[in-house]
């Protein structure tokens, strides 16, 4: 039945973009994945780019060929390939996103295609929104679908207590909107990838 794929849980992978010491990104991502866990539409996974430790892109062949020679590339490919949707948790560095996030995107091509991408950004007064605008251009070039709703967290350090992010109601509401839109778009795009009508 063509309806069965849409009924299966959506595999949602949340990616922590910052790898620097002292970052707050992991605490923000842990909060967001706790929100995902409350929604039975998703099967939640967390990828921390600091733990994944991809080296600067080191494959000899263009990623579109999928002729991978390194074990870390094969491992990353499996994670992305089996995901239906993504949330990228990112700070803003000099008006853009962190280099490790761009590196992680650049490792692969086909595995990203026809999957929705959402963003949770954080920072100072700008809340990381300029990083998200730049990132949307990149994921669109990978033939992902950047969704409209986002979670934007200004002055994030004021909301981190003893290493844990303490969200306000506005952040929880925004997360709910992101998850609702991801569920809708991921379901449709999974049908697209499977060729179902």
Protein backbone atom coordinates (compact mmCIF):
# COMPACT_ATOMS: atom_id res chain seq x y z
CA UNK A 1 0.00 0.00 0.00
CA UNK A 2 1.39 3.40 -0.91
CA UNK A 3 0.00 4.91 2.31
CA UNK A 4 2.16 2.79 4.59
CA UNK A 5 5.39 4.80 4.27
CA UNK A 6 3.59 7.95 5.41
CA UNK A 7 2.32 6.20 8.55
CA UNK A 8 5.76 5.04 9.72
CA UNK A 9 7.55 7.32 12.18
CA UNK A 10 9.56 10.11 10.57
CA UNK A 11 13.27 9.71 11.25
CA UNK A 12 14.30 13.18 12.42
CA UNK A 13 18.00 13.88 12.88
CA UNK A 14 19.00 16.92 14.93
CA UNK A 15 22.53 18.14 14.14
CA UNK A 16 24.63 20.18 16.58
CA UNK A 17 26.67 22.55 14.38
CA UNK A 18 29.05 24.14 16.88
CA UNK A 19 32.14 22.18 17.88
CA UNK A 20 33.95 24.77 19.99
CA UNK A 21 34.76 24.42 23.70
CA UNK A 22 32.28 26.26 25.89
CA UNK A 23 29.48 26.09 23.33
CA UNK A 24 25.83 26.16 24.34
CA UNK A 25 24.65 24.40 21.18
CA UNK A 26 24.53 20.96 22.73
CA UNK A 27 22.28 22.14 25.56
CA UNK A 28 19.95 23.80 23.04
CA UNK A 29 19.90 20.62 20.95
CA UNK A 30 19.20 18.48 24.02
CA UNK A 31 16.22 20.68 24.81
CA UNK A 32 14.94 20.48 21.24
CA UNK A 33 15.25 16.69 21.10
CA UNK A 34 13.26 16.53 24.35
CA UNK A 35 10.49 18.36 22.49
CA UNK A 36 10.74 15.86 19.62
CA UNK A 37 10.45 12.98 22.09
CA UNK A 38 7.01 14.24 23.13
CA UNK A 39 5.72 13.91 19.56
CA UNK A 40 4.92 10.36 18.45
CA UNK A 41 5.25 11.28 14.79
CA UNK A 42 9.05 11.15 15.02
CA UNK A 43 11.88 8.76 15.68
CA UNK A 44 14.51 11.13 17.05
CA UNK A 45 18.28 10.99 16.56
CA UNK A 46 20.97 13.44 17.63
CA UNK A 47 24.26 13.97 15.80
CA UNK A 48 26.87 16.15 17.48
CA UNK A 49 29.43 17.26 14.90
CA UNK A 50 32.06 17.51 17.63
CA UNK A 51 31.57 13.83 18.42
CA UNK A 52 31.22 12.85 14.75
CA UNK A 53 34.61 14.53 14.17
CA UNK A 54 34.53 14.60 10.37
CA UNK A 55 37.91 15.77 9.06
CA UNK A 56 38.00 18.55 6.52
CA UNK A 57 36.54 17.01 3.36
CA UNK A 58 39.06 14.37 2.28
CA UNK A 59 37.40 12.20 -0.36
CA UNK A 60 39.15 11.93 -3.76
CA UNK A 61 35.91 11.76 -5.77
CA UNK A 62 33.03 14.25 -6.05
CA UNK A 63 30.37 13.35 -3.48
CA UNK A 64 27.62 13.07 -6.10
CA UNK A 65 29.30 9.87 -7.36
CA UNK A 66 29.00 8.22 -3.92
CA UNK A 67 32.36 6.51 -4.48
CA UNK A 68 33.43 6.91 -0.87
CA UNK A 69 36.81 5.68 0.28
CA UNK A 70 36.80 6.66 3.96
CA UNK A 71 35.01 4.91 6.82
CA UNK A 72 33.86 8.21 8.33
CA UNK A 73 32.19 9.14 5.05
CA UNK A 74 30.38 5.82 4.85
CA UNK A 75 29.17 6.25 8.43
CA UNK A 76 27.93 9.80 7.81
CA UNK A 77 26.28 8.71 4.56
CA UNK A 78 24.32 6.00 6.39
CA UNK A 79 23.05 8.47 8.98
CA UNK A 80 21.89 11.02 6.43
CA UNK A 81 20.52 8.45 4.00
CA UNK A 82 18.25 6.89 6.63
CA UNK A 83 16.95 10.24 7.85
CA UNK A 84 13.68 11.72 6.61
CA UNK A 85 14.18 15.25 7.96
CA UNK A 86 16.78 17.41 9.67
CA UNK A 87 17.02 20.14 12.27
CA UNK A 88 20.28 22.07 12.32
CA UNK A 89 21.09 23.75 15.63
CA UNK A 90 23.49 26.55 14.84
CA UNK A 91 25.09 29.69 16.22
CA UNK A 92 26.14 32.64 14.08
CA UNK A 93 29.80 33.30 13.38
CA UNK A 94 30.52 36.62 11.66
CA UNK A 95 27.13 36.70 9.98
CA UNK A 96 27.27 33.06 8.88
CA UNK A 97 27.16 29.47 10.07
CA UNK A 98 30.07 27.43 11.51
CA UNK A 99 32.56 25.82 9.14
CA UNK A 100 32.00 22.29 10.54
CA UNK A 101 28.36 22.47 9.42
CA UNK A 102 29.31 23.43 5.85
CA UNK A 103 31.89 20.64 5.86
CA UNK A 104 29.26 18.10 6.96
CA UNK A 105 26.93 19.22 4.18
CA UNK A 106 29.70 19.09 1.58
CA UNK A 107 30.57 15.46 2.26
CA UNK A 108 27.32 14.25 0.64
CA UNK A 109 24.92 15.17 -2.14
CA UNK A 110 22.37 12.49 -3.02
CA UNK A 111 21.60 11.56 0.59
CA UNK A 112 20.28 15.06 1.37
CA UNK A 113 17.91 15.34 -1.56
CA UNK A 114 14.15 15.79 -1.19
CA UNK A 115 14.22 16.06 2.59
CA UNK A 116 13.02 19.00 4.70
CA UNK A 117 15.46 21.05 6.76
CA UNK A 118 14.65 23.19 9.78
CA UNK A 119 16.82 25.46 11.89
CA UNK A 120 17.20 26.27 15.56
CA UNK A 121 19.51 29.26 15.86
CA UNK A 122 20.92 31.11 18.81
CA UNK A 123 23.23 33.99 19.58
CA UNK A 124 23.15 37.57 20.80
CA UNK A 125 20.75 40.23 19.61
CA UNK A 126 20.45 38.68 16.12
CA UNK A 127 19.64 35.20 17.51
CA UNK A 128 21.63 33.57 14.72
CA UNK A 129 19.11 34.55 12.06
CA UNK A 130 21.75 35.64 9.52
CA UNK A 131 23.37 32.21 9.78
CA UNK A 132 20.01 30.62 9.00
CA UNK A 133 19.48 32.80 5.93
CA UNK A 134 22.86 31.75 4.55
CA UNK A 135 22.28 28.13 5.47
CA UNK A 136 18.97 28.01 3.63
CA UNK A 137 20.78 28.85 0.40
CA UNK A 138 23.16 25.94 0.89
CA UNK A 139 20.53 23.33 1.75
CA UNK A 140 18.38 24.48 -1.18
CA UNK A 141 21.35 23.81 -3.48
CA UNK A 142 21.47 20.30 -2.01
CA UNK A 143 17.83 19.95 -3.12
CA UNK A 144 16.59 19.95 0.43
CA UNK A 145 13.47 21.92 1.36
CA UNK A 146 14.16 24.58 4.01
CA UNK A 147 10.89 25.09 5.87
CA UNK A 148 9.61 28.47 6.99
CA UNK A 149 9.18 28.07 10.77
CA UNK A 150 12.34 28.37 12.85
CA UNK A 151 13.34 28.63 16.50
CA UNK A 152 15.41 31.78 17.13
CA UNK A 153 17.00 32.30 20.53
CA UNK A 154 18.46 35.76 21.27
CA UNK A 155 20.78 36.37 24.23
CA UNK A 156 21.05 32.62 24.66
CA UNK A 157 23.59 32.77 27.50
CA UNK A 158 20.99 34.41 29.72
CA UNK A 159 18.85 31.28 29.33
CA UNK A 160 21.51 28.69 30.13
CA UNK A 161 21.52 27.69 33.77
CA UNK A 162 24.06 25.22 35.13
CA UNK A 163 24.76 23.94 31.62
CA UNK A 164 21.11 23.44 30.66
CA UNK A 165 19.07 25.59 28.31
CA UNK A 166 15.93 26.96 29.96
CA UNK A 167 13.44 27.81 27.21
CA UNK A 168 10.71 30.38 27.39
CA UNK A 169 7.16 29.74 26.24
CA UNK A 170 7.92 31.46 22.96
CA UNK A 171 10.67 28.91 22.22
CA UNK A 172 8.44 25.98 23.07
CA UNK A 173 5.70 27.34 20.82
CA UNK A 174 8.19 27.86 17.99
CA UNK A 175 9.51 24.33 18.39
CA UNK A 176 5.96 23.02 18.11
CA UNK A 177 5.47 24.91 14.86
CA UNK A 178 8.73 23.57 13.47
CA UNK A 179 7.79 19.99 14.31
CA UNK A 180 4.30 20.33 12.86
CA UNK A 181 5.70 21.66 9.57
CA UNK A 182 8.44 19.01 9.48
CA UNK A 183 5.87 16.25 9.96
CA UNK A 184 3.78 17.55 7.07
CA UNK A 185 6.62 18.13 4.63
CA UNK A 186 8.59 15.00 5.53
CA UNK A 187 5.54 12.83 4.94
CA UNK A 188 4.97 14.29 1.49
CA UNK A 189 8.65 14.20 0.54
CA UNK A 190 9.02 10.61 1.64
CA UNK A 191 6.31 9.73 -0.87
CA UNK A 192 8.22 11.74 -3.47
CA UNK A 193 11.44 9.81 -2.82
CA UNK A 194 9.65 6.47 -2.95
CA UNK A 195 7.88 7.33 -6.20
CA UNK A 196 4.46 6.79 -4.57
CA UNK A 197 1.50 8.83 -5.76
